């Protein structure tokens, strides 16, 4: 039986956060667990690169949100490392209030914007 290419198990997902927080919720942990399980199902494949981009909503000061978005990316990175992903493969970035998932005016608490976007390339 010929297996599909490893790239078919690339994982792209979003982890959401509570307002003004960088802790993983149980739902966020479950999303990460499932992504890792999808990769582990293919013993012939390995993780190539991981990109994690943290984001915030527009409530709070821009400089604060920049730091918060970086913390959100770091928390997801730590969770992936705890599940066996090599730290060397992970690239994190924090975009603060930039690149909103849902456009809002400044000062708006929007759950869809409080997130880390994760892409795992499998080879």
Protein backbone atom coordinates (compact mmCIF):
# COMPACT_ATOMS: atom_id res chain seq x y z
CA UNK A 1 0.00 0.00 0.00
CA UNK A 2 1.46 3.35 -1.02
CA UNK A 3 1.02 6.04 1.59
CA UNK A 4 -0.03 9.56 0.74
CA UNK A 5 2.82 12.10 0.82
CA UNK A 6 3.84 13.34 4.26
CA UNK A 7 2.71 16.83 3.26
CA UNK A 8 -0.89 15.58 3.46
CA UNK A 9 -0.57 15.60 7.25
CA UNK A 10 0.59 19.21 7.47
CA UNK A 11 -1.31 20.84 10.32
CA UNK A 12 -2.69 24.38 10.29
CA UNK A 13 -4.84 25.38 13.23
CA UNK A 14 -5.76 28.24 15.53
CA UNK A 15 -5.56 28.27 19.32
CA UNK A 16 -7.78 30.83 21.08
CA UNK A 17 -7.12 32.65 24.35
CA UNK A 18 -9.17 34.32 27.05
CA UNK A 19 -9.16 38.11 27.23
CA UNK A 20 -5.83 39.50 28.48
CA UNK A 21 -4.48 35.99 28.98
CA UNK A 22 -1.81 33.71 27.58
CA UNK A 23 -2.78 30.48 29.36
CA UNK A 24 -3.91 27.50 27.29
CA UNK A 25 -7.54 26.61 27.83
CA UNK A 26 -8.54 22.94 27.94
CA UNK A 27 -10.00 23.39 24.45
CA UNK A 28 -6.71 24.86 23.18
CA UNK A 29 -4.77 21.94 24.67
CA UNK A 30 -7.14 19.49 22.98
CA UNK A 31 -6.58 21.18 19.60
CA UNK A 32 -2.80 20.88 20.06
CA UNK A 33 -3.10 17.25 21.20
CA UNK A 34 -5.13 16.38 18.10
CA UNK A 35 -2.64 18.04 15.74
CA UNK A 36 0.25 16.13 17.30
CA UNK A 37 -1.74 12.87 17.14
CA UNK A 38 -2.40 13.44 13.43
CA UNK A 39 1.35 13.71 12.83
CA UNK A 40 2.27 10.76 15.05
CA UNK A 41 -0.08 8.53 13.06
CA UNK A 42 2.53 8.68 10.30
CA UNK A 43 5.72 7.09 11.60
CA UNK A 44 7.37 7.55 8.19
CA UNK A 45 7.08 11.35 8.46
CA UNK A 46 8.75 13.95 10.63
CA UNK A 47 8.10 17.53 11.58
CA UNK A 48 9.91 19.95 9.31
CA UNK A 49 9.15 23.46 10.43
CA UNK A 50 6.64 25.04 12.78
CA UNK A 51 5.44 28.63 12.60
CA UNK A 52 3.42 30.13 15.45
CA UNK A 53 2.06 33.66 15.19
CA UNK A 54 0.41 35.22 18.24
CA UNK A 55 -2.29 37.88 17.98
CA UNK A 56 -4.42 40.06 20.26
CA UNK A 57 -7.62 42.01 19.99
CA UNK A 58 -7.58 45.81 19.99
CA UNK A 59 -8.36 46.34 23.68
CA UNK A 60 -5.36 47.54 25.65
CA UNK A 61 -2.30 49.52 24.64
CA UNK A 62 -0.54 48.60 21.41
CA UNK A 63 2.85 48.00 23.08
CA UNK A 64 1.25 45.79 25.74
CA UNK A 65 -0.59 43.81 23.07
CA UNK A 66 2.66 43.29 21.18
CA UNK A 67 4.17 41.63 24.25
CA UNK A 68 0.99 39.64 24.95
CA UNK A 69 0.92 38.29 21.40
CA UNK A 70 4.54 37.12 21.75
CA UNK A 71 3.64 35.40 25.05
CA UNK A 72 0.74 33.63 23.36
CA UNK A 73 3.04 32.31 20.65
CA UNK A 74 5.61 31.22 23.26
CA UNK A 75 2.97 29.33 25.29
CA UNK A 76 1.95 27.34 22.22
CA UNK A 77 5.62 26.71 21.43
CA UNK A 78 6.16 25.37 24.96
CA UNK A 79 3.11 23.11 24.60
CA UNK A 80 4.39 21.70 21.31
CA UNK A 81 7.84 21.10 22.80
CA UNK A 82 6.25 19.32 25.77
CA UNK A 83 4.59 17.03 23.21
CA UNK A 84 7.87 16.18 21.49
CA UNK A 85 8.35 18.84 18.82
CA UNK A 86 11.99 19.95 18.55
CA UNK A 87 12.49 23.54 19.70
CA UNK A 88 14.90 24.10 16.79
CA UNK A 89 12.01 23.54 14.34
CA UNK A 90 9.80 26.24 15.89
CA UNK A 91 9.65 29.86 14.79
CA UNK A 92 7.46 32.22 16.83
CA UNK A 93 6.25 35.73 16.10
CA UNK A 94 3.94 38.17 17.86
CA UNK A 95 1.89 40.54 15.74
CA UNK A 96 -0.06 42.31 18.49
CA UNK A 97 -3.12 44.11 17.15
CA UNK A 98 -1.99 43.73 13.53
CA UNK A 99 -3.61 41.22 11.16
CA UNK A 100 -6.96 40.99 12.94
CA UNK A 101 -9.05 37.91 12.14
CA UNK A 102 -12.17 40.05 12.60
CA UNK A 103 -11.84 43.76 11.89
CA UNK A 104 -12.87 45.95 14.84
CA UNK A 105 -12.38 49.49 16.01
CA UNK A 106 -9.67 50.18 18.57
CA UNK A 107 -10.51 49.12 22.12
CA UNK A 108 -12.79 46.21 21.21
CA UNK A 109 -12.64 42.84 22.99
CA UNK A 110 -13.02 40.34 20.15
CA UNK A 111 -12.54 36.63 20.94
CA UNK A 112 -11.65 35.70 17.34
CA UNK A 113 -8.67 38.05 17.43
CA UNK A 114 -7.17 36.56 20.62
CA UNK A 115 -5.32 33.69 19.03
CA UNK A 116 -2.16 31.97 17.93
CA UNK A 117 -2.08 30.66 14.39
CA UNK A 118 -0.01 27.49 14.07
CA UNK A 119 1.37 25.86 10.94
CA UNK A 120 3.26 22.57 11.18
CA UNK A 121 5.01 21.37 8.03
CA UNK A 122 5.48 17.60 7.87
CA UNK A 123 8.06 15.97 5.62
